[in-house]
Protein backbone atom coordinates (compact mmCIF):
# COMPACT_ATOMS: atom_id res chain seq x y z
CA MET A 1 -25.27 -70.25 1.05
CA ASP A 2 -25.03 -71.87 4.46
CA ALA A 3 -22.17 -74.34 4.75
CA PHE A 4 -24.20 -77.05 6.46
CA PRO A 5 -27.80 -76.02 7.26
CA SER A 6 -30.35 -78.08 9.09
CA PRO A 7 -32.51 -80.25 6.84
CA PRO A 8 -35.05 -78.05 5.03
CA ARG A 9 -38.71 -78.18 5.92
CA ASP A 10 -40.86 -80.39 3.72
CA ALA A 11 -43.13 -77.80 2.09
CA ASP A 12 -45.82 -80.38 1.38
CA SER A 13 -46.06 -81.57 4.97
CA PRO A 14 -48.95 -80.31 7.15
CA LEU A 15 -46.79 -80.87 10.21
CA SER A 16 -44.36 -78.39 11.70
CA ASP A 17 -40.64 -79.08 11.37
CA ALA A 18 -40.51 -80.25 14.94
CA ASP A 19 -43.44 -82.64 14.50
CA SER A 20 -42.52 -84.08 11.11
CA PRO A 21 -41.14 -87.63 11.48
CA ARG A 22 -39.29 -87.19 8.20
CA ASN A 23 -37.55 -84.02 9.39
CA ALA A 24 -36.89 -85.52 12.80
CA ARG A 25 -35.15 -88.48 11.18
CA ALA A 26 -33.15 -86.17 8.91
CA SER A 27 -32.05 -84.12 11.91
CA ARG A 28 -31.08 -87.28 13.76
CA ASN A 29 -29.09 -88.57 10.78
CA LEU A 30 -27.22 -85.26 10.62
CA ALA A 31 -26.45 -85.38 14.33
CA VAL A 32 -25.08 -88.92 14.04
CA ALA A 33 -22.97 -87.93 11.03
CA ARG A 34 -21.48 -85.06 13.02
CA TRP A 35 -20.75 -87.49 15.85
CA LEU A 36 -18.99 -89.90 13.48
CA LEU A 37 -16.84 -87.06 12.17
CA GLY A 38 -15.94 -85.93 15.68
CA ASP A 39 -13.23 -87.30 17.94
CA ALA A 40 -15.56 -89.74 19.71
CA GLY A 41 -16.91 -91.22 16.49
CA ARG A 42 -13.50 -91.48 14.89
CA ALA A 43 -12.20 -93.28 17.98
CA VAL A 44 -15.02 -95.83 17.73
CA LEU A 45 -14.33 -96.38 14.03
CA ALA A 46 -10.61 -96.80 14.63
CA ALA A 47 -11.27 -99.48 17.26
CA LEU A 48 -13.52 -101.61 15.05
CA PRO A 49 -12.06 -104.83 13.63
CA PRO A 50 -12.13 -105.49 9.86
CA TYR A 51 -15.76 -105.78 8.80
CA ARG A 52 -17.35 -109.25 8.79
CA SER A 53 -21.11 -109.66 8.50
CA ASP A 54 -21.02 -112.54 11.00
CA ASP A 55 -19.71 -110.14 13.67
CA VAL A 56 -22.43 -107.48 13.38
CA PHE A 57 -24.69 -108.65 16.22
CA ALA A 58 -21.83 -109.13 18.66
CA LEU A 59 -20.26 -105.80 17.75
CA THR A 60 -23.60 -104.02 18.06
CA ALA A 61 -24.05 -105.42 21.56
CA ARG A 62 -20.50 -104.40 22.49
CA LEU A 63 -20.95 -100.86 21.22
CA ARG A 64 -24.24 -100.48 23.11
CA ARG A 65 -22.54 -101.66 26.32
CA GLU A 66 -19.85 -99.04 25.72
CA GLY A 67 -22.50 -96.31 25.77
CA LEU A 68 -23.41 -95.78 22.12
CA ASP A 69 -27.07 -95.38 21.28
CA ALA A 70 -28.71 -97.55 18.63
CA ASP A 71 -28.26 -95.01 15.81
CA GLN A 72 -24.60 -94.43 16.61
CA ALA A 73 -23.83 -98.15 16.73
CA ALA A 74 -25.70 -98.85 13.49
CA SER A 75 -24.06 -95.93 11.69
CA ALA A 76 -20.57 -96.92 12.80
CA LEU A 77 -21.03 -100.49 11.58
CA THR A 78 -22.66 -99.35 8.33
CA LEU A 79 -19.71 -97.08 7.64
CA SER A 80 -17.31 -99.92 8.45
CA ARG A 81 -19.12 -102.10 5.90
CA LEU A 82 -19.09 -99.38 3.25
CA ARG A 83 -15.39 -98.70 3.81
CA ALA A 84 -14.64 -102.37 3.24
CA ARG A 85 -16.58 -102.31 -0.03
CA ALA A 86 -15.06 -98.99 -1.05
CA ALA A 87 -11.54 -100.40 -1.17
CA ALA A 88 -12.38 -101.52 -4.72
CA LYS A 89 -13.08 -97.90 -5.69
CA PHE A 90 -10.66 -95.93 -3.55
CA GLY A 91 -7.89 -98.31 -2.51
CA GLU A 92 -6.17 -97.50 0.77
CA ARG A 93 -7.98 -94.17 1.04
CA ALA A 94 -11.28 -95.98 1.64
CA GLY A 95 -10.41 -96.79 5.24
CA ALA A 96 -10.47 -93.10 6.19
CA MET A 97 -13.38 -91.95 4.03
CA PHE A 98 -17.01 -91.33 4.96
CA PHE A 99 -19.96 -92.71 2.99
CA THR A 100 -23.72 -92.84 2.97
CA ALA A 101 -25.16 -95.96 1.35
CA ASP A 102 -26.57 -94.02 -1.61
CA GLY A 103 -23.48 -91.86 -1.83
CA TYR A 104 -21.23 -94.89 -2.08
CA GLU A 105 -23.31 -96.45 -4.86
CA GLN A 106 -23.08 -93.32 -7.01
CA ALA A 107 -19.49 -92.41 -6.08
CA THR A 108 -16.98 -92.39 -8.92
CA ARG A 109 -13.96 -94.67 -8.64
CA LEU A 110 -10.84 -92.66 -7.87
CA SER A 111 -9.14 -93.90 -11.06
CA VAL A 112 -12.11 -92.76 -13.16
CA GLY A 113 -12.31 -89.47 -11.26
CA ALA A 114 -8.68 -88.92 -12.23
CA LEU A 115 -9.75 -89.30 -15.89
CA HIS A 116 -12.46 -86.68 -15.38
CA ALA A 117 -9.94 -84.34 -13.81
CA ALA A 118 -7.44 -84.93 -16.62
CA ARG A 119 -10.05 -83.99 -19.23
CA PHE A 120 -10.66 -80.66 -17.50
CA VAL A 121 -6.96 -79.95 -16.99
CA GLU A 122 -6.17 -80.78 -20.64
CA ALA A 123 -8.94 -78.40 -21.73
CA GLY A 124 -7.47 -75.57 -19.65
CA ALA A 125 -9.85 -75.54 -16.67
CA ARG A 126 -8.67 -74.07 -13.40
CA ARG A 127 -11.82 -73.81 -11.28
CA VAL A 128 -14.55 -76.46 -11.36
CA ILE A 129 -18.00 -76.59 -9.82
CA ASP A 130 -18.88 -80.10 -8.66
CA PHE A 131 -22.68 -79.86 -8.87
CA GLY A 132 -24.39 -82.48 -6.71
CA CYS A 133 -21.07 -83.70 -5.38
CA GLY A 134 -22.46 -86.52 -3.22
CA ILE A 135 -19.80 -87.74 -0.82
CA GLY A 136 -17.10 -85.87 -2.76
CA ALA A 137 -15.43 -88.58 -4.85
CA ASP A 138 -15.00 -86.41 -7.95
CA SER A 139 -14.16 -83.37 -5.82
CA LEU A 140 -11.33 -85.38 -4.30
CA ALA A 141 -10.02 -86.35 -7.73
CA PHE A 142 -10.27 -82.77 -8.98
CA THR A 143 -8.32 -81.38 -6.03
CA LEU A 144 -5.66 -84.08 -6.38
CA ALA A 145 -5.20 -82.85 -9.97
CA GLY A 146 -4.63 -79.30 -8.74
CA LEU A 147 -8.05 -77.89 -9.64
CA ASP A 148 -9.83 -75.33 -7.47
CA VAL A 149 -13.17 -76.93 -6.55
CA ALA A 150 -16.48 -75.45 -5.43
CA ALA A 151 -18.72 -78.39 -4.50
CA ILE A 152 -22.48 -78.16 -3.98
CA GLU A 153 -24.65 -80.86 -2.39
CA SER A 154 -28.25 -80.65 -1.14
CA ASP A 155 -28.07 -83.60 1.27
CA PRO A 156 -26.60 -82.27 4.55
CA VAL A 157 -25.06 -85.60 5.56
CA ALA A 158 -23.46 -86.16 2.16
CA ALA A 159 -22.18 -82.57 2.20
CA LEU A 160 -20.55 -83.12 5.59
CA TYR A 161 -18.89 -86.27 4.30
CA ALA A 162 -17.77 -84.54 1.10
CA ALA A 163 -16.01 -81.88 3.15
CA ALA A 164 -14.21 -84.62 5.08
CA ASN A 165 -13.34 -86.67 2.00
CA ALA A 166 -12.16 -83.71 -0.12
CA PRO A 167 -10.80 -81.24 2.44
CA LYS A 168 -9.27 -78.95 -0.21
CA ALA A 169 -12.66 -78.39 -1.87
CA LYS A 170 -15.05 -75.68 -0.72
CA VAL A 171 -18.23 -77.64 0.01
CA THR A 172 -21.59 -75.89 0.33
CA CYS A 173 -24.85 -77.52 1.36
CA ALA A 174 -27.56 -76.05 -0.86
CA ASN A 175 -30.06 -76.83 -3.59
CA GLY A 176 -27.95 -76.02 -6.63
CA LEU A 177 -31.03 -75.64 -8.83
CA ALA A 178 -32.29 -72.81 -6.63
CA THR A 179 -28.94 -71.14 -5.97
CA GLU A 180 -26.77 -68.75 -7.94
CA LEU A 181 -23.70 -70.74 -8.90
CA PRO A 182 -20.21 -69.35 -8.25
CA ASP A 183 -17.90 -68.27 -11.04
CA ALA A 184 -15.94 -71.09 -12.66
CA ASP A 185 -14.63 -72.10 -16.06
CA ALA A 186 -16.00 -75.66 -15.79
CA ILE A 187 -18.86 -77.56 -14.21
CA TRP A 188 -19.24 -81.26 -13.43
CA LEU A 189 -22.73 -82.72 -13.01
CA ASP A 190 -23.65 -86.21 -11.84
CA PRO A 191 -27.46 -86.49 -11.90
CA ALA A 192 -29.02 -88.95 -9.47
CA ARG A 193 -30.14 -91.97 -11.49
CA ARG A 194 -31.69 -94.16 -8.79
CA ALA A 195 -35.14 -93.99 -7.21
CA GLU A 196 -35.62 -93.98 -3.44
CA ASP A 197 -36.05 -97.76 -3.51
CA GLY A 198 -32.66 -98.15 -5.20
CA ARG A 199 -33.93 -99.03 -8.68
CA ARG A 200 -32.22 -97.42 -11.65
CA ILE A 201 -34.18 -94.68 -13.41
CA ALA A 202 -34.16 -95.39 -17.14
CA SER A 203 -35.57 -92.12 -18.48
CA PRO A 204 -32.98 -89.29 -18.53
CA GLU A 205 -35.77 -86.79 -17.95
CA ARG A 206 -36.54 -88.42 -14.59
CA TRP A 207 -33.00 -88.06 -13.33
CA ILE A 208 -32.33 -85.41 -10.69
CA PRO A 209 -31.73 -82.95 -12.22
CA PRO A 210 -33.34 -84.04 -15.51
CA PHE A 211 -30.85 -84.44 -18.34
CA SER A 212 -32.27 -81.44 -20.21
CA ARG A 213 -31.83 -79.27 -17.11
CA ALA A 214 -28.29 -80.57 -16.62
CA LEU A 215 -27.49 -79.66 -20.23
CA SER A 216 -28.93 -76.19 -19.71
CA LEU A 217 -26.73 -75.66 -16.66
CA ALA A 218 -23.69 -77.05 -18.44
CA ARG A 219 -24.08 -74.70 -21.39
CA GLY A 220 -23.58 -71.75 -19.05
CA PHE A 221 -19.89 -72.64 -18.69
CA PRO A 222 -17.02 -72.85 -21.19
CA LEU A 223 -16.34 -76.47 -20.22
CA ALA A 224 -18.64 -79.11 -18.77
CA GLY A 225 -18.96 -82.81 -18.08
CA ILE A 226 -22.20 -84.67 -17.33
CA LYS A 227 -22.04 -88.24 -16.06
CA VAL A 228 -24.82 -90.28 -17.65
CA ALA A 229 -26.01 -93.88 -17.77
CA PRO A 230 -23.87 -95.89 -20.20
CA GLY A 231 -27.00 -97.19 -21.94
CA ILE A 232 -28.18 -93.73 -22.97
CA ALA A 233 -29.54 -93.65 -26.53
CA TYR A 234 -27.60 -91.76 -29.17
CA HIS A 235 -30.67 -89.71 -30.14
CA ALA A 236 -30.81 -88.32 -26.58
CA LEU A 237 -27.28 -86.89 -26.89
CA PRO A 238 -26.54 -83.31 -27.95
CA PRO A 239 -24.92 -83.47 -31.42
CA ARG A 240 -22.14 -80.99 -30.60
CA ALA A 241 -20.90 -82.92 -27.58
CA PHE A 242 -18.09 -85.43 -27.18
CA VAL A 243 -19.31 -88.54 -25.37
CA GLU A 244 -16.93 -90.97 -23.71
CA TRP A 245 -17.76 -94.48 -22.49
CA ILE A 246 -15.37 -95.62 -19.75
CA SER A 247 -14.57 -99.21 -18.78
CA GLU A 248 -12.01 -100.87 -16.52
CA ARG A 249 -11.03 -104.54 -16.73
CA GLY A 250 -13.90 -105.29 -19.07
CA GLN A 251 -16.56 -103.64 -16.87
CA LEU A 252 -18.48 -100.71 -18.38
CA LEU A 253 -18.67 -98.09 -15.65
CA GLU A 254 -20.18 -94.92 -17.07
CA ALA A 255 -20.55 -92.49 -19.94
CA VAL A 256 -19.69 -88.80 -19.85
CA VAL A 257 -21.10 -86.06 -22.05
CA TRP A 258 -18.36 -83.44 -22.51
CA LEU A 259 -19.20 -79.93 -23.72
CA GLY A 260 -16.55 -77.55 -25.02
CA MET A 261 -14.18 -80.42 -25.84
CA GLY A 262 -15.02 -81.27 -29.45
CA THR A 263 -17.62 -83.63 -30.91
CA GLY A 264 -17.98 -87.35 -31.50
CA ARG A 265 -17.82 -90.54 -29.43
CA ALA A 266 -15.04 -92.65 -27.95
CA ALA A 267 -14.34 -95.61 -25.68
CA THR A 268 -11.79 -95.26 -22.90
CA ILE A 269 -10.57 -98.67 -21.81
CA ASP A 270 -8.25 -98.87 -18.80
CA GLY A 271 -7.21 -95.29 -19.55
CA GLU A 272 -6.68 -95.74 -23.31
CA ARG A 273 -9.00 -93.70 -25.51
CA LEU A 274 -10.25 -95.28 -28.76
CA ASP A 275 -12.12 -92.96 -31.11
CA SER A 276 -15.24 -94.52 -32.64
CA GLY A 277 -15.07 -92.53 -35.87
CA ALA A 278 -18.37 -90.73 -35.21
CA LYS A 279 -18.30 -87.04 -36.12
CA THR A 280 -21.21 -86.08 -33.86
CA ALA A 281 -22.46 -87.58 -30.61
CA ASP A 282 -25.87 -88.55 -32.01
CA GLU A 283 -24.62 -90.10 -35.26
CA PRO A 284 -25.95 -93.65 -35.83
CA ALA A 285 -23.46 -96.50 -35.60
CA VAL A 286 -21.97 -97.61 -38.93
CA PHE A 287 -23.38 -100.83 -40.39
CA VAL A 288 -20.91 -103.70 -40.89
CA ALA A 289 -21.87 -106.63 -43.11
CA PRO A 290 -21.79 -110.01 -41.32
CA ARG A 291 -19.88 -113.05 -42.50
CA PRO A 292 -19.85 -116.76 -41.58
CA LEU A 293 -18.53 -117.69 -38.17
CA GLY A 294 -14.94 -118.88 -38.28
CA PRO A 295 -12.84 -120.79 -35.72
CA LEU A 296 -12.55 -117.73 -33.44
CA LEU A 297 -15.26 -115.53 -31.94
CA PHE A 298 -14.58 -112.18 -30.25
CA GLU A 299 -16.57 -110.09 -27.80
CA PRO A 300 -15.42 -106.45 -27.77
CA ASP A 301 -15.07 -104.47 -24.57
CA PRO A 302 -18.52 -103.01 -23.78
CA ALA A 303 -17.20 -99.46 -24.06
CA ILE A 304 -16.37 -100.13 -27.73
CA VAL A 305 -19.85 -101.54 -28.30
CA ARG A 306 -21.67 -98.64 -26.64
CA SER A 307 -19.54 -95.95 -28.30
CA GLY A 308 -20.34 -97.33 -31.74
CA GLY A 309 -16.75 -98.34 -32.40
CA ILE A 310 -17.48 -101.78 -33.87
CA ALA A 311 -17.05 -100.64 -37.49
CA ARG A 312 -13.65 -99.10 -36.83
CA LEU A 313 -12.51 -102.18 -34.88
CA CYS A 314 -13.63 -104.46 -37.72
CA GLU A 315 -11.94 -102.34 -40.37
CA LYS A 316 -8.66 -102.18 -38.48
CA HIS A 317 -8.43 -105.89 -37.60
CA GLY A 318 -10.26 -107.66 -40.43
CA LEU A 319 -13.30 -108.63 -38.37
CA ALA A 320 -17.03 -108.90 -39.06
CA PRO A 321 -20.18 -109.56 -37.00
CA VAL A 322 -21.52 -113.11 -36.96
CA SER A 323 -24.98 -111.67 -37.72
CA GLU A 324 -26.37 -108.26 -38.59
CA GLY A 325 -26.31 -105.88 -35.62
CA ILE A 326 -24.70 -108.42 -33.27
CA ALA A 327 -21.54 -107.47 -31.36
CA TYR A 328 -20.02 -110.95 -31.54
CA LEU A 329 -17.28 -110.77 -34.15
CA THR A 330 -15.29 -113.32 -36.10
CA GLY A 331 -11.85 -113.11 -37.67
CA GLU A 332 -8.46 -114.78 -37.88
CA ALA A 333 -6.42 -113.03 -35.15
CA VAL A 334 -7.19 -111.83 -31.62
CA PRO A 335 -7.76 -108.05 -31.66
CA PRO A 336 -7.02 -105.83 -28.65
CA HIS A 337 -9.71 -105.11 -26.05
CA CYS A 338 -11.71 -108.22 -26.94
CA ALA A 339 -12.49 -111.46 -25.13
CA ALA A 340 -11.59 -114.35 -27.44
CA PHE A 341 -13.28 -117.75 -27.77
CA GLU A 342 -12.24 -120.85 -29.68
CA VAL A 343 -15.35 -122.17 -31.44
CA LEU A 344 -15.84 -125.91 -30.87
CA ASP A 345 -19.35 -126.44 -32.23
CA VAL A 346 -22.47 -124.63 -33.41
CA VAL A 347 -25.82 -126.28 -32.65
CA VAL A 348 -29.49 -125.40 -32.50
CA PRO A 349 -30.33 -123.76 -29.13
CA GLU A 350 -31.89 -126.80 -27.47
CA ALA A 351 -30.62 -127.95 -24.08
CA LYS A 352 -30.29 -131.64 -25.04
CA ARG A 353 -28.31 -130.85 -28.19
CA ILE A 354 -26.06 -128.44 -26.31
CA LYS A 355 -25.38 -130.90 -23.48
CA ARG A 356 -24.39 -133.60 -25.95
CA SER A 357 -21.94 -131.21 -27.58
CA LEU A 358 -20.50 -130.16 -24.21
CA ALA A 359 -19.99 -133.80 -23.22
CA ALA A 360 -18.35 -134.59 -26.55
CA HIS A 361 -15.81 -131.82 -25.93
CA GLY A 362 -15.15 -132.74 -22.30
CA ILE A 363 -16.76 -129.61 -20.87
CA GLY A 364 -18.34 -129.59 -17.42
CA ARG A 365 -18.35 -126.12 -15.87
CA THR A 366 -20.25 -123.93 -18.32
CA GLU A 367 -20.49 -120.17 -18.62
CA VAL A 368 -23.47 -118.84 -20.57
CA LYS A 369 -23.52 -115.60 -22.57
CA LYS A 370 -26.02 -114.14 -25.00
CA ARG A 371 -26.66 -111.41 -27.56
CA GLY A 372 -29.78 -110.82 -29.62
CA THR A 373 -31.82 -113.54 -27.92
CA GLU A 374 -34.21 -113.91 -24.97
CA VAL A 375 -32.39 -116.79 -23.26
CA ASP A 376 -32.47 -116.76 -19.44
CA VAL A 377 -28.72 -116.87 -18.81
CA ALA A 378 -28.86 -117.90 -15.14
CA ALA A 379 -31.41 -120.67 -15.71
CA MET A 380 -29.55 -122.00 -18.75
CA ALA A 381 -26.20 -122.01 -16.94
CA LYS A 382 -27.74 -124.07 -14.15
CA LYS A 383 -29.26 -126.46 -16.66
CA LEU A 384 -26.08 -126.96 -18.70
CA SER A 385 -23.31 -127.06 -16.09
CA GLY A 386 -21.98 -130.45 -15.10
CA ARG A 387 -19.37 -131.78 -12.72
CA GLY A 388 -15.74 -132.21 -13.65
CA GLY A 389 -14.35 -131.65 -17.09
CA ASP A 390 -12.96 -128.48 -18.60
CA ALA A 391 -14.44 -125.00 -18.38
CA GLY A 392 -16.42 -123.94 -21.42
CA VAL A 393 -18.74 -121.27 -22.72
CA VAL A 394 -22.05 -121.43 -24.56
CA LEU A 395 -22.88 -118.25 -26.45
CA PHE A 396 -26.48 -117.85 -27.60
CA SER A 397 -26.69 -115.59 -30.64
CA PRO A 398 -28.04 -115.25 -34.14
CA VAL A 399 -25.52 -116.57 -36.66
CA LEU A 400 -26.25 -115.14 -40.10
CA GLY A 401 -29.80 -114.51 -38.93
CA ARG A 402 -30.52 -117.94 -37.38
CA HIS A 403 -30.52 -118.47 -33.62
CA ARG A 404 -27.74 -120.80 -32.58
CA ALA A 405 -25.81 -121.99 -29.53
CA ILE A 406 -22.05 -121.63 -29.98
CA VAL A 407 -20.05 -124.07 -27.85
CA ALA A 408 -16.62 -122.61 -27.15
CA ARG A 409 -13.77 -122.19 -24.72
CA ARG A 410 -11.97 -119.02 -23.75
CA THR A 411 -8.59 -118.45 -25.34
CA ALA A 412 -6.17 -115.49 -25.25
CA VAL A 413 -7.98 -112.56 -23.67
CA THR A 414 -6.70 -109.01 -23.95
CA PHE A 415 -8.76 -106.73 -21.75
């Protein structure tokens, strides 16, 4: 496998490689990436001020005066913008990393990559294939954990950047689906889940590679992890897998299908794993009988909800849903990993009735949330919010089967 080949010819194109606009653009992108990684490009990047969108036109003009062509100037400023955004994922490392726009969007946070690496290390892995490594975020985390990494990426620019971002990994630019994979005791796969226009692809069989193909590849190794969309349906999961939903600070980030590491489902919240009680990955969530809404309402961390851990949470902390199948819970004490709300009023979901209740409780700024209803959250928040007063929340949800608006305020929160 060539380390960094030229972009492959488009087999469906009637044009030659030299004449194909698509291939010409790919070749140009690769040349600019190599320039950015070289001494001249790095010097330009080092001289740029902190990224501000208001400065882009002036900086572009300055870079052109300094001799950069249009592609070089645009690429340098795009990378500066992506590095600024990437601080949230990679901390101080972001300022020296290289990203494509698509590669950044799919890149794993370094803290989450460390969790992936820990799972492999705990299972006894020593050498991992990072299949479709993108810009090398997981490869970086794996090498930091002491794993030997063979990374494969079909996009030549992303492969170049992966080699720069994870210098201890052996990065190869190749189509992994058409290449004999190296020996390893573990494989990590992160299928592409966005279309060319940036929209998320809902069907797992339209991912690249399709989920079924990813599973087939994974089963060829003693240990494997496949990053999947957190909304994946239980029935799409292999029964003998262990599936982990990962969240940080209340934000659901991803799900991972682990093979060779047991069976079941779990939520991992800020590094803490909470088993859902499921014995197989595809087991339906356990039904919990609802009960009347009390003075407190709780919203579990989304990783608990998606992993099917509501029943175990309710059993452990004396909670129950406010309506059948709804992940708003009620109980007497604030449980861990839940947002908590003090219930002030429950009214029919009509704007006039809700506004009267908000005014009666001195609430102006209003957050709107919903479960089990078709309410337009953004439009309703605009309609209900007023000036001054306290901050409040209106939660639209069935309550014992009837649609209601719950007027509340946030109380102790333990994410």
